[in-house]
Amino acid sequence: MPSADRMTAHELRASIGLASIFGLRMLGMFVILPVFAIYAETLRGGDDLTLVGFAIGAYGLTQAILQIPFGWLSDRYGRKPVIYFGLVIFAIGSFVAAGADSIGGVIVGRVLQGSGAVSAVVIALTADLTREEQRTKAMAMIGSTIGLTFALSLVASPWLNQIIGVGGIFAMTGVLSLLAIAVVHLVVPAVPPVVAQAAKEPVSMTQLLCDPELARLNFGIFALHAVLMALFIVVPLALRDGGLGVDHHWQVYLPVMLGSFALMLPPVIIAERRGRIKAVFAGSVAVLLAGHLAMPWLLGSTAAIIVFLLIFFSAFNVLEAMLPSLMSKLAPPAAKGAAMGIYSSVQFFGTFAGAASGGFLYQRYGANGIFLFDVSLLAIWLILALGMTAPRPLRTLNYTIPALDDTAATVLKARLAMQPGVREVRILAGAGQAQLRVDATGFDEQHMIRLLAEQA
């Protein structure tokens, strides 16, 4: 059996490939942000700041609306076909935005970009291709890739704008999306038949929405991204007021992001290897809350802001890795794509709500209004996190079984479910597979092998 402490070559290949999908898409999205508002002034209708704001936010809004349908479709028609479809739509939207000469045309392009809502499907595919004990590492790779892409975008944006302009950046985004299709096809492994067939069993959307543990995680991702967006209305202005020009803000963000990636690794390792998931998770939320409580006294100097950002992003990256991993572990196997669709929709709604609320509060109440908003969300999240039930340390094991009729498969399933340490059994007679989720402790591997050998 593969070591529980290390990724297999198959898992590593899948994690790197899927992380690169996020990276390729996010690079094109993030690199627009520092220069788009200025570019919009050259477009017909670009003097209407409401339309400019809508052009920026339209992507997140359509992403939020369509994550659930895309996740649902991936449960029924497979992850890869839905990812291909979404990336093609994203590319079309990018090229529409690249050729637009009005703010309305850019809005159409941004709506189409957001309609390629494959984030939930990519996360669900990551869960399909990794064991539970390796899943947080895979999610951490995706989260780190997004963070590095964000930092790289801040550095590259002014340079790319000078060379190819914003229209060229939009076109580059479309090309990167098409390149991502090639990566999915050539690099990411195929979904095992046991997963693809198991996913066809229906689970109601009501069941997913009402599950208390999934609801805690959904609120968490909403709060995390709402806080992030609201915070970044304050931070750039505070850095500028502290004497750091906008063109030099990347000199803060880049080392902060790199440092936070290094600081996030020990907590993630402790959570997984020592079974301290709840302590690390709730502790990271507490760090975010404590940092925000201190933030009003840290706005006076650039150095203090850097310290705050380093603490913030270290905790943020831990939570960004743990949240989707926990969601994939707690979601019903037959509805993992739909559950991740809800999760991703809530995430994008959090992004939209944080940006909209942050702008409203800052304009009327200054930085303190945003801090109260962030602290309120984080305090509620901390209370919910302290009440969470950490998932049991389970392993997912697949065994080959002989061809069975329905009656024999039902008998074998009941027999396997009675064995010590076995928490879930799925018999896929047509695929010749038995999939077991078992406790990391209390499960007798050799006894299970003998039992299956008797069946053969």
Protein backbone atom coordinates (compact mmCIF):
# COMPACT_ATOMS: atom_id res chain seq x y z
CA MET A 1 0.00 0.00 0.00
CA PRO A 2 1.26 3.58 -0.60
CA SER A 3 2.77 5.43 2.35
CA ALA A 4 0.29 7.61 4.19
CA ASP A 5 3.00 10.23 4.76
CA ARG A 6 3.95 10.85 1.15
CA MET A 7 2.12 11.52 -2.07
CA THR A 8 2.31 8.88 -4.74
CA ALA A 9 3.63 9.85 -8.16
CA HIS A 10 0.02 9.72 -9.40
CA GLU A 11 -1.17 12.11 -6.67
CA LEU A 12 1.76 14.47 -7.19
CA ARG A 13 1.14 14.60 -10.93
CA ALA A 14 -2.55 15.28 -10.38
CA SER A 15 -1.90 17.99 -7.77
CA ILE A 16 0.71 19.81 -9.86
CA GLY A 17 -1.45 19.63 -12.99
CA LEU A 18 -4.60 20.90 -11.30
CA ALA A 19 -2.72 23.62 -9.41
CA SER A 20 -1.37 24.82 -12.75
CA ILE A 21 -4.94 25.08 -14.07
CA PHE A 22 -5.75 27.54 -11.30
CA GLY A 23 -2.46 29.35 -11.88
CA LEU A 24 -2.97 29.78 -15.62
CA ARG A 25 -6.50 31.13 -15.15
CA MET A 26 -5.74 33.32 -12.16
CA LEU A 27 -2.67 34.90 -13.75
CA GLY A 28 -4.83 36.31 -16.51
CA MET A 29 -7.46 37.48 -14.02
CA PHE A 30 -5.20 39.04 -11.39
CA VAL A 31 -2.90 40.81 -13.84
CA ILE A 32 -5.85 42.92 -15.06
CA LEU A 33 -6.71 44.40 -11.67
CA PRO A 34 -3.89 46.95 -11.14
CA VAL A 35 -4.36 48.57 -14.56
CA PHE A 36 -7.99 48.11 -15.57
CA ALA A 37 -9.47 51.25 -13.98
CA ILE A 38 -7.02 53.45 -15.91
CA TYR A 39 -7.56 51.47 -19.13
CA ALA A 40 -11.34 51.90 -18.80
CA GLU A 41 -10.95 55.67 -19.26
CA THR A 42 -10.00 55.01 -22.91
CA LEU A 43 -13.22 53.09 -23.64
CA ARG A 44 -16.61 54.45 -24.63
CA GLY A 45 -18.63 54.71 -21.42
CA GLY A 46 -15.52 54.20 -19.33
CA ASP A 47 -16.08 57.47 -17.50
CA ASP A 48 -18.99 55.85 -15.65
CA LEU A 49 -17.33 54.40 -12.55
CA THR A 50 -20.40 52.34 -11.73
CA LEU A 51 -19.99 50.48 -15.03
CA VAL A 52 -16.26 50.15 -14.44
CA GLY A 53 -16.95 48.60 -11.05
CA PHE A 54 -19.52 46.28 -12.57
CA ALA A 55 -17.03 45.22 -15.24
CA ILE A 56 -14.62 44.20 -12.49
CA GLY A 57 -17.26 42.47 -10.35
CA ALA A 58 -19.25 40.79 -13.13
CA TYR A 59 -16.75 37.93 -13.26
CA GLY A 60 -17.23 37.06 -9.60
CA LEU A 61 -21.01 37.35 -9.79
CA THR A 62 -21.43 34.88 -12.67
CA GLN A 63 -18.84 32.59 -11.08
CA ALA A 64 -20.93 32.53 -7.90
CA ILE A 65 -24.15 31.78 -9.78
CA LEU A 66 -22.76 28.97 -11.95
CA GLN A 67 -20.45 27.03 -9.61
CA ILE A 68 -23.29 24.82 -8.37
CA PRO A 69 -24.61 23.88 -11.86
CA PHE A 70 -21.08 23.11 -13.07
CA GLY A 71 -20.42 20.96 -9.99
CA TRP A 72 -23.73 19.14 -10.47
CA LEU A 73 -22.94 18.48 -14.14
CA SER A 74 -19.50 17.13 -13.25
CA ASP A 75 -21.07 14.57 -10.88
CA ARG A 76 -23.11 13.20 -13.77
CA TYR A 77 -21.00 13.68 -16.90
CA GLY A 78 -17.48 13.57 -15.52
CA ARG A 79 -15.02 16.17 -14.28
CA LYS A 80 -12.79 16.59 -17.33
CA PRO A 81 -15.52 17.22 -19.96
CA VAL A 82 -17.05 19.94 -17.77
CA ILE A 83 -13.62 21.52 -17.19
CA TYR A 84 -12.96 21.58 -20.96
CA PHE A 85 -16.34 23.23 -21.55
CA GLY A 86 -15.78 25.86 -18.86
CA LEU A 87 -12.28 26.73 -20.06
CA VAL A 88 -13.53 27.21 -23.63
CA ILE A 89 -16.23 29.64 -22.41
CA PHE A 90 -13.62 31.46 -20.32
CA ALA A 91 -11.34 31.78 -23.38
CA ILE A 92 -14.19 33.11 -25.55
CA GLY A 93 -14.99 35.74 -22.92
CA SER A 94 -11.34 36.76 -22.78
CA PHE A 95 -11.18 37.31 -26.53
CA VAL A 96 -14.48 39.26 -26.48
CA ALA A 97 -13.07 41.56 -23.78
CA ALA A 98 -9.81 41.92 -25.72
CA GLY A 99 -11.62 43.17 -28.81
CA ALA A 100 -14.09 45.45 -27.03
CA ASP A 101 -13.94 49.21 -27.62
CA SER A 102 -16.59 50.08 -25.02
CA ILE A 103 -17.11 49.36 -21.35
CA GLY A 104 -20.27 47.47 -22.29
CA GLY A 105 -18.27 45.13 -24.51
CA VAL A 106 -15.83 44.47 -21.69
CA ILE A 107 -18.74 43.70 -19.36
CA VAL A 108 -20.03 41.11 -21.85
CA GLY A 109 -16.56 39.57 -21.98
CA ARG A 110 -16.26 39.51 -18.21
CA VAL A 111 -19.69 37.88 -17.85
CA LEU A 112 -18.60 35.18 -20.29
CA GLN A 113 -15.31 34.72 -18.45
CA GLY A 114 -17.17 34.18 -15.20
CA SER A 115 -19.51 31.73 -16.93
CA GLY A 116 -16.61 29.30 -17.23
CA ALA A 117 -17.10 28.40 -13.56
CA VAL A 118 -14.82 25.38 -13.16
CA SER A 119 -13.22 26.11 -9.79
CA ALA A 120 -15.49 23.71 -7.89
CA VAL A 121 -15.01 21.01 -10.50
CA VAL A 122 -11.22 21.31 -10.35
CA ILE A 123 -11.30 21.03 -6.56
CA ALA A 124 -13.65 18.02 -6.78
CA LEU A 125 -11.29 16.38 -9.30
CA THR A 126 -8.39 17.01 -6.92
CA ALA A 127 -10.36 15.19 -4.22
CA ASP A 128 -11.10 12.32 -6.63
CA LEU A 129 -7.42 11.84 -7.43
CA THR A 130 -5.91 12.08 -3.93
CA ARG A 131 -6.26 10.04 -0.76
CA GLU A 132 -7.83 11.75 2.24
CA GLU A 133 -4.55 11.78 4.16
CA GLN A 134 -2.86 13.63 1.27
CA ARG A 135 -5.71 15.95 0.33
CA THR A 136 -4.73 18.96 2.43
CA LYS A 137 -1.29 18.91 0.80
CA ALA A 138 -2.92 18.94 -2.63
CA MET A 139 -5.22 21.80 -1.65
CA ALA A 140 -2.24 23.66 -0.16
CA MET A 141 -0.46 23.34 -3.50
CA ILE A 142 -3.47 24.89 -5.23
CA GLY A 143 -3.74 27.66 -2.63
CA SER A 144 -0.03 28.42 -2.83
CA THR A 145 -0.19 28.56 -6.62
CA ILE A 146 -3.02 31.10 -6.44
CA GLY A 147 -1.07 33.21 -3.94
CA LEU A 148 2.12 33.10 -5.99
CA THR A 149 0.14 33.98 -9.09
CA PHE A 150 -1.34 36.96 -7.25
CA ALA A 151 2.12 38.17 -6.25
CA LEU A 152 3.50 37.60 -9.76
CA SER A 153 0.58 39.52 -11.26
CA LEU A 154 1.33 42.59 -9.14
CA VAL A 155 4.89 42.57 -10.44
CA ALA A 156 4.10 41.76 -14.08
CA SER A 157 1.04 43.96 -14.61
CA PRO A 158 2.76 47.32 -15.28
CA TRP A 159 5.34 45.64 -17.50
CA LEU A 160 2.76 43.73 -19.57
CA ASN A 161 0.59 46.84 -19.87
CA GLN A 162 3.50 48.72 -21.43
CA ILE A 163 4.23 45.92 -23.90
CA ILE A 164 0.83 44.57 -25.01
CA GLY A 165 -1.73 46.82 -23.29
CA VAL A 166 -4.82 45.69 -21.41
CA GLY A 167 -6.43 44.37 -24.57
CA GLY A 168 -3.38 42.21 -25.09
CA ILE A 169 -3.58 41.03 -21.47
CA PHE A 170 -7.18 39.92 -22.03
CA ALA A 171 -6.08 38.04 -25.16
CA MET A 172 -3.23 36.47 -23.19
CA THR A 173 -5.81 35.29 -20.65
CA GLY A 174 -7.69 33.50 -23.44
CA VAL A 175 -4.52 31.82 -24.67
CA LEU A 176 -3.66 30.70 -21.12
CA SER A 177 -7.13 29.21 -20.76
CA LEU A 178 -6.64 27.18 -23.94
CA LEU A 179 -3.24 26.10 -22.66
CA ALA A 180 -4.97 24.94 -19.47
CA ILE A 181 -7.13 22.61 -21.59
CA ALA A 182 -3.97 20.98 -22.90
CA VAL A 183 -2.66 20.60 -19.35
CA VAL A 184 -5.88 18.89 -18.22
CA HIS A 185 -5.71 16.51 -21.18
CA LEU A 186 -1.99 15.70 -21.12
CA VAL A 187 -0.94 16.05 -17.48
CA VAL A 188 -3.90 15.38 -15.19
CA PRO A 189 -4.59 11.63 -14.74
CA ALA A 190 -7.95 10.13 -15.62
CA VAL A 191 -10.54 9.71 -12.87
CA PRO A 192 -10.57 6.11 -11.59
CA PRO A 193 -13.68 4.17 -12.68
CA VAL A 194 -14.63 3.57 -9.05
CA VAL A 195 -14.99 7.29 -8.48
CA ALA A 196 -16.76 8.05 -11.75
CA GLN A 197 -19.39 5.35 -11.19
CA ALA A 198 -19.91 6.11 -7.51
CA ALA A 199 -20.69 9.72 -8.34
CA LYS A 200 -23.87 8.76 -10.23
CA GLU A 201 -25.86 8.03 -7.06
CA PRO A 202 -28.13 11.05 -6.37
CA VAL A 203 -27.90 13.21 -3.24
CA SER A 204 -30.39 16.04 -2.75
CA MET A 205 -29.27 19.67 -2.76
CA THR A 206 -31.32 20.22 0.40
CA GLN A 207 -29.24 17.60 2.18
CA LEU A 208 -26.05 19.42 1.22
CA LEU A 209 -27.36 22.85 2.22
CA CYS A 210 -28.69 21.69 5.59
CA ASP A 211 -25.72 19.63 6.71
CA PRO A 212 -24.41 21.54 9.78
CA GLU A 213 -20.74 20.68 9.29
CA LEU A 214 -20.80 21.69 5.61
CA ALA A 215 -22.65 24.89 6.58
CA ARG A 216 -19.83 25.81 8.99
CA LEU A 217 -17.29 25.44 6.20
CA ASN A 218 -19.42 27.40 3.75
CA PHE A 219 -19.71 30.29 6.19
CA GLY A 220 -15.96 30.09 6.72
CA ILE A 221 -15.05 30.48 3.06
CA PHE A 222 -17.59 33.32 2.74
CA ALA A 223 -16.05 35.15 5.71
CA LEU A 224 -12.47 34.50 4.61
CA HIS A 225 -12.90 36.05 1.18
CA ALA A 226 -15.19 38.85 2.34
CA VAL A 227 -12.53 39.85 4.88
CA LEU A 228 -9.79 39.66 2.24
CA MET A 229 -11.60 41.91 -0.23
CA ALA A 230 -12.66 44.44 2.40
CA LEU A 231 -9.13 44.53 3.83
CA PHE A 232 -7.60 45.35 0.46
CA ILE A 233 -9.61 48.51 0.24
CA VAL A 234 -7.75 49.73 3.32
CA VAL A 235 -4.24 48.34 2.83
CA PRO A 236 -3.29 49.97 -0.51
CA LEU A 237 -4.43 53.36 0.76
CA ALA A 238 -2.57 52.89 4.04
CA LEU A 239 0.63 51.98 2.19
CA ARG A 240 0.27 55.02 -0.04
CA ASP A 241 -0.39 57.28 2.93
CA GLY A 242 2.68 55.78 4.60
CA GLY A 243 4.83 57.08 1.75
CA LEU A 244 5.01 54.02 -0.51
CA GLY A 245 4.03 54.77 -4.10
CA VAL A 246 1.52 52.52 -5.82
CA ASP A 247 4.16 51.36 -8.32
CA HIS A 248 6.19 50.02 -5.40
CA HIS A 249 3.45 48.16 -3.52
CA TRP A 250 4.62 44.89 -5.08
CA GLN A 251 7.79 45.27 -3.01
CA VAL A 252 5.58 44.65 0.03
CA TYR A 253 3.24 42.03 -1.40
CA LEU A 254 5.83 39.77 -2.98
CA PRO A 255 8.00 39.10 0.12
CA VAL A 256 4.87 38.91 2.30
CA MET A 257 3.37 36.20 0.08
CA LEU A 258 6.62 34.24 -0.11
CA GLY A 259 7.12 34.46 3.65
CA SER A 260 3.55 33.42 4.38
CA PHE A 261 3.92 30.28 2.26
CA ALA A 262 6.89 29.22 4.38
CA LEU A 263 5.03 29.94 7.62
CA MET A 264 1.91 28.03 6.57
CA LEU A 265 3.66 24.69 6.11
CA PRO A 266 4.27 23.72 9.77
CA PRO A 267 0.61 24.20 10.82
CA VAL A 268 -0.65 22.22 7.82
CA ILE A 269 1.77 19.37 8.58
CA ILE A 270 0.81 19.36 12.27
CA ALA A 271 -2.89 19.30 11.39
CA GLU A 272 -2.58 16.29 9.11
CA ARG A 273 0.16 14.16 10.67
CA ARG A 274 -0.71 14.72 14.32
CA GLY A 275 -4.47 14.81 13.97
CA ARG A 276 -4.75 18.40 15.21
CA ILE A 277 -7.11 19.55 12.48
CA LYS A 278 -9.61 21.35 14.72
CA ALA A 279 -6.92 23.05 16.85
CA VAL A 280 -5.00 24.33 13.83
CA PHE A 281 -8.18 25.40 12.02
CA ALA A 282 -9.70 27.30 14.94
CA GLY A 283 -6.29 28.70 15.89
CA SER A 284 -5.84 30.15 12.41
CA VAL A 285 -9.24 31.87 12.62
CA ALA A 286 -8.22 33.24 16.04
CA VAL A 287 -4.98 34.62 14.54
CA LEU A 288 -6.98 36.46 11.86
CA LEU A 289 -9.28 37.90 14.51
CA ALA A 290 -6.42 38.96 16.80
CA GLY A 291 -4.60 40.61 13.91
CA HIS A 292 -7.67 42.62 12.95
CA LEU A 293 -8.21 43.73 16.53
CA ALA A 294 -4.66 45.13 16.49
CA MET A 295 -4.81 46.53 12.95
CA PRO A 296 -6.11 50.06 13.81
CA TRP A 297 -2.85 50.64 15.70
CA LEU A 298 -0.71 49.26 12.86
CA LEU A 299 -1.74 51.65 10.10
CA GLY A 300 0.79 54.30 11.03
CA SER A 301 3.88 52.69 9.50
CA THR A 302 4.73 50.59 6.47
CA ALA A 303 6.78 48.19 8.60
CA ALA A 304 3.81 47.50 10.91
CA ILE A 305 1.53 46.90 7.93
CA ILE A 306 4.05 44.40 6.54
CA VAL A 307 4.06 42.50 9.84
CA PHE A 308 0.26 42.44 9.88
CA LEU A 309 0.08 41.21 6.26
CA LEU A 310 2.61 38.47 6.96
CA ILE A 311 0.53 37.23 9.91
CA PHE A 312 -2.71 37.62 7.96
CA PHE A 313 -1.59 35.70 4.88
CA SER A 314 0.08 32.95 6.90
CA ALA A 315 -3.25 32.20 8.61
CA PHE A 316 -5.18 32.89 5.40
CA ASN A 317 -3.13 30.34 3.44
CA VAL A 318 -3.58 27.68 6.14
CA LEU A 319 -7.35 28.15 6.02
CA GLU A 320 -7.38 28.36 2.22
CA ALA A 321 -5.74 24.92 2.17
CA MET A 322 -7.80 23.33 4.97
CA LEU A 323 -11.29 24.54 3.99
CA PRO A 324 -11.60 22.74 0.62
CA SER A 325 -9.85 19.67 2.05
CA LEU A 326 -12.36 19.47 4.91
CA MET A 327 -15.23 20.06 2.51
CA SER A 328 -14.11 17.19 0.26
CA LYS A 329 -13.75 14.88 3.27
CA LEU A 330 -17.15 15.68 4.77
CA ALA A 331 -19.17 15.90 1.54
CA PRO A 332 -21.11 12.78 0.44
CA PRO A 333 -18.98 10.92 -2.14
CA ALA A 334 -21.85 10.85 -4.64
CA ALA A 335 -22.30 14.63 -4.50
CA LYS A 336 -18.78 15.92 -4.07
CA GLY A 337 -18.99 18.10 -7.18
CA ALA A 338 -22.32 19.64 -6.11
CA ALA A 339 -21.00 20.26 -2.57
CA MET A 340 -17.90 21.94 -3.94
CA GLY A 341 -20.16 23.96 -6.25
CA ILE A 342 -22.03 25.35 -3.25
CA TYR A 343 -18.72 26.01 -1.52
CA SER A 344 -17.25 27.86 -4.51
CA SER A 345 -20.44 29.87 -5.05
CA VAL A 346 -20.39 31.01 -1.44
CA GLN A 347 -16.70 31.89 -1.85
CA PHE A 348 -17.39 34.16 -4.82
CA PHE A 349 -20.40 35.71 -3.09
CA GLY A 350 -18.04 36.46 -0.20
CA THR A 351 -15.67 38.17 -2.61
CA PHE A 352 -18.50 40.26 -4.04
CA ALA A 353 -19.98 41.09 -0.61
CA GLY A 354 -16.60 41.98 0.89
CA ALA A 355 -15.70 44.35 -1.93
CA ALA A 356 -19.13 46.01 -2.02
CA SER A 357 -19.42 46.33 1.77
CA GLY A 358 -15.83 47.45 2.11
CA GLY A 359 -16.27 50.28 -0.35
CA PHE A 360 -19.52 51.40 1.26
CA LEU A 361 -18.13 51.28 4.81
CA TYR A 362 -14.83 52.95 3.95
CA GLN A 363 -16.54 55.84 2.20
CA ARG A 364 -18.82 56.50 5.18
CA TYR A 365 -16.90 55.37 8.25
CA GLY A 366 -13.28 55.09 7.19
CA ALA A 367 -10.98 52.20 8.06
CA ASN A 368 -12.68 51.56 11.40
CA GLY A 369 -15.92 50.65 9.63
CA ILE A 370 -14.13 47.93 7.70
CA PHE A 371 -12.38 46.63 10.82
CA LEU A 372 -15.72 46.31 12.62
CA PHE A 373 -17.14 44.47 9.60
CA ASP A 374 -14.18 42.08 9.45
CA VAL A 375 -14.04 41.52 13.21
CA SER A 376 -17.77 40.70 13.32
CA LEU A 377 -17.43 38.06 10.60
CA LEU A 378 -14.30 36.56 12.15
CA ALA A 379 -15.80 36.44 15.66
CA ILE A 380 -18.85 34.54 14.37
CA TRP A 381 -16.58 32.21 12.39
CA LEU A 382 -14.41 31.52 15.44
CA ILE A 383 -17.46 30.51 17.48
CA LEU A 384 -18.56 28.17 14.67
CA ALA A 385 -15.04 26.75 14.29
CA LEU A 386 -14.80 25.97 18.00
CA GLY A 387 -18.00 23.94 17.70
CA MET A 388 -16.95 21.97 14.62
CA THR A 389 -16.47 18.22 14.61
CA ALA A 390 -13.14 17.36 13.05
CA PRO A 391 -13.37 14.56 10.48
CA ARG A 392 -12.09 11.19 11.60
CA PRO A 393 -8.66 10.28 10.18
CA LEU A 394 -9.89 8.04 7.37
CA ARG A 395 -8.10 6.36 4.50
CA THR A 396 -9.65 5.49 1.17
CA LEU A 397 -8.69 2.04 -0.08
CA ASN A 398 -9.58 0.35 -3.38
CA TYR A 399 -9.61 -3.41 -3.90
CA THR A 400 -10.17 -5.53 -6.99
CA ILE A 401 -13.05 -7.98 -6.65
CA PRO A 402 -14.46 -10.61 -9.02
CA ALA A 403 -17.56 -10.03 -11.12
CA LEU A 404 -20.66 -10.18 -8.89
CA ASP A 405 -24.38 -10.08 -9.42
CA ASP A 406 -26.48 -7.63 -7.41
CA THR A 407 -27.32 -10.12 -4.68
CA ALA A 408 -23.71 -11.19 -4.15
CA ALA A 409 -22.57 -7.54 -4.17
CA THR A 410 -25.11 -6.67 -1.47
CA VAL A 411 -23.99 -9.60 0.71
CA LEU A 412 -20.31 -8.67 0.31
CA LYS A 413 -21.02 -5.02 1.13
CA ALA A 414 -22.80 -6.00 4.35
CA ARG A 415 -19.97 -8.34 5.32
CA LEU A 416 -17.27 -5.75 4.72
CA ALA A 417 -19.21 -3.06 6.60
CA MET A 418 -19.17 -5.26 9.72
CA GLN A 419 -15.38 -5.37 9.86
CA PRO A 420 -13.59 -3.32 12.57
CA GLY A 421 -12.50 0.14 11.42
CA VAL A 422 -14.63 0.18 8.25
CA ARG A 423 -16.78 3.33 8.04
CA GLU A 424 -18.10 3.20 4.46
CA VAL A 425 -18.24 0.53 1.76
CA ARG A 426 -19.01 1.01 -1.91
CA ILE A 427 -19.20 -2.05 -4.16
CA LEU A 428 -19.01 -1.35 -7.88
CA ALA A 429 -19.55 -4.80 -9.30
CA GLY A 430 -19.47 -3.64 -12.92
CA ALA A 431 -16.03 -2.10 -12.43
CA GLY A 432 -14.76 -4.97 -10.29
CA GLN A 433 -13.95 -2.58 -7.46
CA ALA A 434 -14.58 -2.34 -3.74
CA GLN A 435 -13.94 1.09 -2.24
CA LEU A 436 -13.53 1.35 1.52
CA ARG A 437 -13.14 4.34 3.82
CA VAL A 438 -11.48 3.11 6.98
CA ASP A 439 -10.15 4.49 10.24
CA ALA A 440 -6.43 5.15 10.19
CA THR A 441 -6.33 3.12 13.43
CA GLY A 442 -8.37 0.02 14.21
CA PHE A 443 -8.39 -1.36 10.67
CA ASP A 444 -6.76 -4.74 9.98
CA GLU A 445 -5.45 -4.59 6.41
CA GLN A 446 -4.27 -8.19 6.31
CA HIS A 447 -7.60 -9.50 7.57
CA MET A 448 -9.39 -7.56 4.83
CA ILE A 449 -7.09 -9.00 2.17
CA ARG A 450 -7.79 -12.54 3.43
CA LEU A 451 -11.54 -11.88 3.48
CA LEU A 452 -11.54 -10.66 -0.11
CA ALA A 453 -9.34 -13.58 -1.16
CA GLU A 454 -12.01 -15.95 0.24
CA GLN A 455 -14.60 -14.13 -1.86
CA ALA A 456 -12.50 -14.63 -4.98
